[in-house]
Amino acid sequence: MDTSTLPKGNNTTEDFMPINGTDYVELYVGNSKQAAHYYKAAFGFQSYAQAGLETGLKDRESYVVVQDKIRLVLTSPLKSGTEIGKHIDKHGDGVKVVALWVDDATIAYNNAMERGATSYMEPRVEEDKDGKVVRAGIYTYGETVHIFVERKDYNGTFLPGFKKWETPDYNPEPTGLKFVDHMVGNVGWNKMNHWVKFYEDVLGFKNILSFDDKDISTEYTALMSKVMSNGNGRIKFPINEPAEGQKKSQVEEYLDFYEDEGVQHIAVATDDIIKTVRDLRSRGVEFLRVPATYYDAVTDRVGEIDEDIAPLKELGILVDRDDEGYLLQIFTKPVEPRPTMFFEIIQRKGAQSFGKGNFKALFEAIEREQELRGTLH
């Protein structure tokens, strides 16, 4: 399959679902207070907003942490038997909501519903002294949902029902993370094209890159992937499905332990990946490592780059080039007890692709971790 950029457009010149960017990502977690501390201490997020018993909620508590344009909402149940608790029991900690910032949440929701979406939350006006926010939501793969967020009439901290959360005695420095570059979903066998069509039909996204099992494979495992992008390119959702291989692939391992389809990783951008990764490592974030031999031929493969190879090799940062430029990327180990969700740190120096030239080395590194976990069989 051709992995170059595919022709844009689906014979529609108008973007019927304009999206301004990622508004927030909400994770359901076992202990939101401890998770917030982890993302502050390890990743450099800052305290931002909080909701719970003190703000009138009886069933949940949420902490919001922020770094530049990235907002993570960490939510835990306050009692047994809740839908949040059932979600955590089945999946472990993981992404429930990928919220999309739009100008008009009601129009976005109605358009999606007319085009075949399943409703998660009808348009809802939420108000407090700082104004109003309109939110509405639809289901996507697994139990993951998209919530459309309209906040043009709101001047508060985060959302109505949240209060400002300040921790004057503990605010670690940011690590240079800027915004969500893309988010990858893992779906079941033969489901990739189904969800590609969903994003095309329901949200007006386009398939801008495709990779088959010849592109993404090692001696033992394989997967397939298609990258979906919204009209202005601010939202990119690669969708992975398993492919036949001698052993169980990373996607199969994810599906086994998450017990469903879901978000595999969140890619976050930085302007200085060497500095960011040094900082993250010093705070205890663990990364996948490729063999040192990867760097022996890296300049032959990608040509001249601005960075010295020595620090890239020291830190395990990967390099790839496309027609637009090059990129640098590195992947954390899973940040949950289950081998499910992880983060990618990425710096783009013109490149618009996703590191095809690194796939083999990266997936062999993942396989080594699977071997240690006893799940590569």
Protein backbone atom coordinates (compact mmCIF):
# COMPACT_ATOMS: atom_id res chain seq x y z
CA MET A 1 0.00 0.00 0.00
CA ASP A 2 1.20 3.48 -0.83
CA THR A 3 2.31 5.28 2.33
CA SER A 4 2.72 8.67 0.76
CA THR A 5 0.20 11.39 1.49
CA LEU A 6 -3.06 10.41 -0.16
CA PRO A 7 -5.12 12.85 -2.22
CA LYS A 8 -7.08 15.10 0.06
CA GLY A 9 -10.79 15.60 -0.25
CA ASN A 10 -13.89 13.48 -0.44
CA ASN A 11 -15.52 15.61 -3.11
CA THR A 12 -16.59 18.02 -0.39
CA THR A 13 -15.12 21.50 -0.41
CA GLU A 14 -16.82 22.66 2.78
CA ASP A 15 -15.64 21.42 6.17
CA PHE A 16 -19.01 20.67 7.78
CA MET A 17 -17.32 19.87 11.12
CA PRO A 18 -14.83 22.69 11.83
CA ILE A 19 -12.73 21.88 14.91
CA ASN A 20 -10.42 24.41 16.53
CA GLY A 21 -8.26 21.91 18.39
CA THR A 22 -8.11 19.44 21.28
CA ASP A 23 -9.94 20.97 24.25
CA TYR A 24 -9.04 18.37 26.88
CA VAL A 25 -8.38 14.66 27.36
CA GLU A 26 -10.14 12.98 30.28
CA LEU A 27 -8.76 9.82 31.84
CA TYR A 28 -10.72 7.65 34.24
CA VAL A 29 -8.20 6.61 36.90
CA GLY A 30 -8.23 4.70 40.18
CA ASN A 31 -6.87 7.60 42.25
CA SER A 32 -7.21 11.03 40.65
CA LYS A 33 -5.32 12.85 43.41
CA GLN A 34 -2.29 10.59 43.08
CA ALA A 35 -2.51 10.62 39.26
CA ALA A 36 -2.47 14.42 39.28
CA HIS A 37 0.65 14.37 41.44
CA TYR A 38 2.29 11.92 39.04
CA TYR A 39 1.63 14.05 35.96
CA LYS A 40 2.91 17.11 37.80
CA ALA A 41 6.03 15.47 39.19
CA ALA A 42 6.95 13.30 36.20
CA PHE A 43 5.71 15.28 33.19
CA GLY A 44 5.75 18.85 34.45
CA PHE A 45 2.04 19.60 34.34
CA GLN A 46 0.69 22.40 36.54
CA SER A 47 -2.25 22.45 38.94
CA TYR A 48 -5.25 24.06 37.23
CA ALA A 49 -8.78 23.12 38.34
CA GLN A 50 -10.62 20.70 40.61
CA ALA A 51 -14.16 19.41 41.11
CA GLY A 52 -15.58 17.09 43.74
CA LEU A 53 -17.37 17.15 47.07
CA GLU A 54 -16.33 20.76 47.70
CA THR A 55 -17.95 21.85 44.43
CA GLY A 56 -21.13 19.83 44.86
CA LEU A 57 -20.26 16.57 43.11
CA LYS A 58 -21.26 13.45 45.04
CA ASP A 59 -20.05 10.63 42.80
CA ARG A 60 -16.66 11.69 41.43
CA GLU A 61 -13.61 13.86 41.87
CA SER A 62 -11.61 15.39 39.03
CA TYR A 63 -8.27 17.17 38.92
CA VAL A 64 -7.25 19.16 35.86
CA VAL A 65 -3.55 19.62 35.09
CA VAL A 66 -2.23 21.81 32.30
CA GLN A 67 0.97 22.36 30.33
CA ASP A 68 0.85 24.98 27.58
CA LYS A 69 -2.16 23.91 25.42
CA ILE A 70 -2.48 20.40 26.92
CA ARG A 71 -5.23 19.83 29.48
CA LEU A 72 -5.57 16.45 31.19
CA VAL A 73 -8.64 15.75 33.32
CA LEU A 74 -8.09 12.94 35.84
CA THR A 75 -11.34 11.55 37.22
CA SER A 76 -12.06 8.94 39.91
CA PRO A 77 -15.31 7.67 41.49
CA LEU A 78 -16.17 8.49 45.11
CA LYS A 79 -18.28 5.41 45.71
CA SER A 80 -18.73 1.88 44.39
CA GLY A 81 -21.08 0.87 41.61
CA THR A 82 -20.58 3.94 39.41
CA GLU A 83 -20.12 3.89 35.64
CA ILE A 84 -16.67 5.41 36.14
CA GLY A 85 -15.73 2.63 38.54
CA LYS A 86 -17.01 -0.05 36.15
CA HIS A 87 -14.95 1.52 33.36
CA ILE A 88 -11.78 1.40 35.50
CA ASP A 89 -12.52 -2.15 36.65
CA LYS A 90 -12.76 -3.34 33.04
CA HIS A 91 -10.09 -1.26 31.33
CA GLY A 92 -7.76 -0.05 34.06
CA ASP A 93 -6.74 3.61 33.93
CA GLY A 94 -7.27 5.02 30.45
CA VAL A 95 -8.74 7.67 28.19
CA LYS A 96 -12.51 8.05 28.30
CA VAL A 97 -13.01 11.46 26.63
CA VAL A 98 -11.23 13.17 23.77
CA ALA A 99 -12.84 16.62 23.87
CA LEU A 100 -12.90 18.73 20.72
CA TRP A 101 -13.05 22.52 20.84
CA VAL A 102 -15.72 23.83 18.44
CA ASP A 103 -17.49 27.14 17.82
CA ASP A 104 -20.97 25.62 18.14
CA ALA A 105 -21.37 22.35 20.05
CA THR A 106 -25.05 21.97 19.16
CA ILE A 107 -24.44 22.23 15.43
CA ALA A 108 -21.46 19.86 15.65
CA TYR A 109 -23.55 17.33 17.59
CA ASN A 110 -26.56 17.60 15.26
CA ASN A 111 -24.35 17.19 12.20
CA ALA A 112 -22.72 14.10 13.70
CA MET A 113 -26.06 12.57 14.66
CA GLU A 114 -27.54 13.20 11.22
CA ARG A 115 -24.54 11.40 9.74
CA GLY A 116 -24.89 8.27 11.87
CA ALA A 117 -23.26 8.93 15.25
CA THR A 118 -24.48 7.34 18.48
CA SER A 119 -25.29 9.87 21.18
CA TYR A 120 -23.32 9.98 24.41
CA MET A 121 -24.62 13.31 25.70
CA GLU A 122 -27.20 15.64 24.16
CA PRO A 123 -26.31 19.36 24.04
CA ARG A 124 -26.12 20.68 27.59
CA VAL A 125 -25.69 24.27 28.75
CA GLU A 126 -23.50 24.51 31.86
CA GLU A 127 -23.38 27.87 33.64
CA ASP A 128 -21.77 29.61 36.60
CA LYS A 129 -20.82 33.17 37.51
CA ASP A 130 -18.12 33.18 34.80
CA GLY A 131 -20.49 32.42 31.92
CA LYS A 132 -21.66 29.35 30.10
CA VAL A 133 -20.24 26.38 28.23
CA VAL A 134 -22.18 24.12 25.86
CA ARG A 135 -21.11 20.48 25.65
CA ALA A 136 -22.43 17.50 23.68
CA GLY A 137 -20.95 14.10 22.96
CA ILE A 138 -20.89 11.03 20.71
CA TYR A 139 -19.45 7.53 21.04
CA THR A 140 -16.49 6.37 18.98
CA TYR A 141 -14.51 3.09 19.15
CA GLY A 142 -14.92 0.99 22.30
CA GLU A 143 -16.22 3.13 25.15
CA THR A 144 -14.22 6.18 24.04
CA VAL A 145 -16.24 9.33 23.42
CA HIS A 146 -15.80 12.70 21.73
CA ILE A 147 -17.30 15.66 23.54
CA PHE A 148 -17.80 18.86 21.58
CA VAL A 149 -16.96 21.87 23.76
CA GLU A 150 -18.20 25.39 22.99
CA ARG A 151 -16.65 27.91 25.36
CA LYS A 152 -16.86 31.28 23.58
CA ASP A 153 -19.15 32.64 26.33
CA TYR A 154 -17.04 31.42 29.25
CA ASN A 155 -14.29 33.23 31.14
CA GLY A 156 -13.79 30.80 34.03
CA THR A 157 -10.89 28.52 34.88
CA PHE A 158 -11.98 25.34 33.07
CA LEU A 159 -15.67 24.41 33.08
CA PRO A 160 -18.65 25.37 35.23
CA GLY A 161 -18.62 23.20 38.35
CA PHE A 162 -14.84 23.38 38.67
CA LYS A 163 -12.90 25.66 40.98
CA LYS A 164 -9.36 26.92 40.56
CA TRP A 165 -6.87 24.45 42.03
CA GLU A 166 -3.70 25.98 43.40
CA THR A 167 -0.77 24.23 45.07
CA PRO A 168 1.57 27.07 46.08
CA ASP A 169 4.12 24.80 47.75
CA TYR A 170 4.56 22.27 44.93
CA ASN A 171 4.65 23.19 41.25
CA PRO A 172 7.47 21.45 39.37
CA GLU A 173 8.76 23.25 36.31
CA PRO A 174 7.19 22.36 32.93
CA THR A 175 9.15 20.02 30.68
CA GLY A 176 8.48 21.82 27.39
CA LEU A 177 5.36 19.93 26.28
CA LYS A 178 3.27 22.16 24.00
CA PHE A 179 0.14 20.55 22.56
CA VAL A 180 -1.41 17.24 21.50
CA ASP A 181 0.10 16.32 18.12
CA HIS A 182 -2.01 13.21 17.56
CA MET A 183 -3.78 10.41 19.43
CA VAL A 184 -3.72 6.77 18.34
CA GLY A 185 -6.65 4.37 18.71
CA ASN A 186 -6.34 0.58 18.71
CA VAL A 187 -9.35 -1.24 17.25
CA GLY A 188 -10.19 -4.90 16.77
CA TRP A 189 -9.55 -7.30 13.91
CA ASN A 190 -10.89 -5.98 10.58
CA LYS A 191 -12.34 -2.88 12.26
CA MET A 192 -9.90 -0.24 10.97
CA ASN A 193 -11.80 0.50 7.76
CA HIS A 194 -15.08 0.63 9.69
CA TRP A 195 -13.73 3.41 11.91
CA VAL A 196 -12.04 5.15 9.00
CA LYS A 197 -15.46 5.37 7.36
CA PHE A 198 -16.97 6.59 10.65
CA TYR A 199 -14.52 9.48 10.85
CA GLU A 200 -15.04 10.27 7.17
CA ASP A 201 -18.84 10.14 7.22
CA VAL A 202 -19.65 11.41 10.71
CA LEU A 203 -16.90 13.97 11.35
CA GLY A 204 -15.69 14.84 7.84
CA PHE A 205 -12.12 13.63 8.45
CA LYS A 206 -9.91 12.42 5.62
CA ASN A 207 -7.48 9.51 5.38
CA ILE A 208 -4.12 11.24 4.82
CA LEU A 209 -1.72 8.30 5.33
CA SER A 210 -2.02 4.52 5.21
CA PHE A 211 0.36 1.80 6.36
CA ASP A 212 -0.17 -1.92 5.77
CA ASP A 213 1.42 -4.96 7.37
CA LYS A 214 4.40 -4.74 5.02
CA ASP A 215 5.16 -1.24 6.33
CA ILE A 216 4.61 -2.02 10.02
CA SER A 217 6.05 -5.43 10.73
CA THR A 218 8.95 -7.29 12.28
CA GLU A 219 10.02 -10.90 12.13
CA TYR A 220 7.24 -11.78 14.56
CA THR A 221 4.40 -9.25 14.56
CA ALA A 222 2.52 -6.84 12.33
CA LEU A 223 -0.23 -4.24 12.36
CA MET A 224 -2.02 -1.91 9.96
CA SER A 225 -2.77 1.77 10.42
CA LYS A 226 -4.61 4.66 8.75
CA VAL A 227 -4.21 8.28 9.79
CA MET A 228 -7.38 10.39 9.90
CA SER A 229 -7.20 14.19 9.90
CA ASN A 230 -9.84 16.87 10.26
CA GLY A 231 -10.22 19.67 7.70
CA ASN A 232 -7.66 22.10 9.12
CA GLY A 233 -5.21 19.38 10.19
CA ARG A 234 -5.31 20.27 13.88
CA ILE A 235 -6.76 16.89 14.88
CA LYS A 236 -5.06 13.68 13.75
CA PHE A 237 -6.21 10.22 14.81
CA PRO A 238 -4.17 7.25 13.54
CA ILE A 239 -6.23 4.06 13.83
CA ASN A 240 -4.43 0.73 14.29
CA GLU A 241 -5.70 -2.82 13.86
CA PRO A 242 -3.84 -6.12 14.30
CA ALA A 243 -2.42 -8.04 11.34
CA GLU A 244 -1.46 -11.68 11.10
CA GLY A 245 2.02 -12.47 12.44
CA GLN A 246 3.93 -15.30 14.02
CA LYS A 247 3.32 -13.89 17.50
CA LYS A 248 0.93 -11.58 19.33
CA SER A 249 1.34 -7.96 18.27
CA GLN A 250 1.30 -4.89 20.48
CA VAL A 251 -2.25 -4.12 19.32
CA GLU A 252 -3.44 -7.59 20.33
CA GLU A 253 -1.71 -7.20 23.71
CA TYR A 254 -3.44 -3.85 24.19
CA LEU A 255 -6.87 -5.29 23.27
CA ASP A 256 -6.33 -8.21 25.66
CA PHE A 257 -5.43 -6.02 28.64
CA TYR A 258 -7.67 -3.01 27.96
CA GLU A 259 -10.41 -5.56 27.19
CA ASP A 260 -11.75 -3.35 24.42
CA GLU A 261 -10.82 -0.88 21.74
CA GLY A 262 -9.37 2.37 23.05
CA VAL A 263 -6.72 5.08 22.95
CA GLN A 264 -3.24 3.52 22.76
CA HIS A 265 -1.08 6.60 23.04
CA ILE A 266 -1.09 10.37 23.23
CA ALA A 267 1.61 12.13 21.19
CA VAL A 268 2.65 15.48 22.65
CA ALA A 269 4.81 18.04 20.87
CA THR A 270 7.91 19.83 22.08
CA ASP A 271 10.22 22.42 20.52
CA ASP A 272 13.35 20.86 22.08
CA ILE A 273 13.06 17.10 22.40
CA ILE A 274 16.58 16.63 23.80
CA LYS A 275 15.92 19.00 26.68
CA THR A 276 12.41 17.62 27.26
CA VAL A 277 13.53 13.98 27.32
CA ARG A 278 16.48 14.71 29.61
CA ASP A 279 14.06 16.43 31.99
CA LEU A 280 11.48 13.63 31.82
CA ARG A 281 14.13 10.95 32.42
CA SER A 282 15.47 12.85 35.42
CA ARG A 283 11.95 12.73 36.88
CA GLY A 284 11.61 8.97 36.45
CA VAL A 285 9.76 8.66 33.13
CA GLU A 286 10.84 5.43 31.44
CA PHE A 287 11.28 5.19 27.69
CA LEU A 288 11.58 2.39 25.16
CA ARG A 289 15.14 1.90 23.92
CA VAL A 290 16.31 0.83 20.48
CA PRO A 291 19.68 -0.90 19.94
CA ALA A 292 22.70 1.42 19.72
CA THR A 293 23.29 0.09 16.20
CA TYR A 294 20.20 2.05 15.08
CA TYR A 295 22.36 5.18 15.11
CA ASP A 296 25.19 3.75 12.99
CA ALA A 297 23.31 4.48 9.77
CA VAL A 298 20.81 7.09 10.83
CA THR A 299 22.43 9.98 8.93
CA ASP A 300 22.72 7.82 5.79
CA ARG A 301 18.96 7.26 6.03
CA VAL A 302 17.72 10.73 6.98
CA GLY A 303 20.52 13.01 5.79
CA GLU A 304 21.83 16.03 7.63
CA ILE A 305 19.94 17.21 10.72
CA ASP A 306 20.44 20.13 13.09
CA GLU A 307 21.03 17.95 16.14
CA ASP A 308 24.18 16.05 17.10
CA ILE A 309 23.72 12.28 16.96
CA ALA A 310 25.45 11.70 20.31
CA PRO A 311 22.67 13.05 22.58
CA LEU A 312 20.01 11.36 20.44
CA LYS A 313 21.82 8.04 20.88
CA GLU A 314 22.31 8.66 24.60
CA LEU A 315 18.61 9.31 25.10
CA GLY A 316 17.21 6.84 22.55
CA ILE A 317 15.50 9.46 20.38
CA LEU A 318 14.49 8.26 16.89
CA VAL A 319 14.76 10.27 13.64
CA ASP A 320 12.84 10.04 10.38
CA ARG A 321 12.44 12.19 7.27
CA ASP A 322 9.71 12.79 4.71
CA ASP A 323 9.34 15.16 1.76
CA GLU A 324 8.54 18.09 4.09
CA GLY A 325 11.41 17.74 6.55
CA TYR A 326 12.29 15.49 9.46
CA LEU A 327 10.99 14.59 12.91
CA LEU A 328 12.39 13.33 16.19
CA GLN A 329 10.34 11.02 18.40
CA ILE A 330 10.52 8.76 21.43
CA PHE A 331 7.96 6.61 23.23
CA THR A 332 7.47 6.03 26.94
CA LYS A 333 6.81 2.66 28.42
CA PRO A 334 3.15 2.19 29.48
CA VAL A 335 2.27 4.62 32.26
CA GLU A 336 -0.37 2.30 33.77
CA PRO A 337 -0.05 -1.12 35.46
CA ARG A 338 -1.56 -2.78 32.40
CA PRO A 339 0.51 -2.65 29.18
CA THR A 340 -1.94 -0.27 27.55
CA MET A 341 -1.59 3.52 27.34
CA PHE A 342 1.69 5.35 26.81
CA PHE A 343 2.97 8.72 25.55
CA GLU A 344 4.98 9.76 22.52
CA ILE A 345 7.20 12.85 22.63
CA ILE A 346 7.61 14.36 19.18
CA GLN A 347 9.43 17.31 17.65
CA ARG A 348 8.63 18.15 14.05
CA LYS A 349 11.22 19.92 11.93
CA GLY A 350 8.91 20.25 8.93
CA ALA A 351 7.89 16.59 8.65
CA GLN A 352 4.17 15.87 8.56
CA SER A 353 4.44 12.08 8.71
CA PHE A 354 4.62 9.66 11.65
CA GLY A 355 8.05 8.03 11.54
CA LYS A 356 7.59 5.17 9.09
CA GLY A 357 11.35 4.65 8.95
CA ASN A 358 11.39 3.97 12.69
CA PHE A 359 8.59 1.41 12.75
CA LYS A 360 10.77 -1.71 12.63
CA ALA A 361 13.21 -0.56 15.34
CA LEU A 362 10.38 0.74 17.50
CA PHE A 363 8.25 -2.39 17.29
CA GLU A 364 11.23 -4.62 17.96
CA ALA A 365 11.76 -2.55 21.12
CA ILE A 366 8.10 -3.08 22.04
CA GLU A 367 8.49 -6.81 21.41
CA ARG A 368 11.41 -6.94 23.85
CA GLU A 369 9.12 -5.43 26.50
CA GLN A 370 6.39 -7.94 25.58
CA GLU A 371 8.92 -10.74 25.99
CA LEU A 372 9.74 -9.51 29.49
CA ARG A 373 6.01 -9.39 30.31
CA GLY A 374 5.50 -12.90 28.91
CA THR A 375 2.88 -11.71 26.41
CA LEU A 376 4.81 -12.29 23.15
CA HIS A 377 3.62 -15.73 22.13
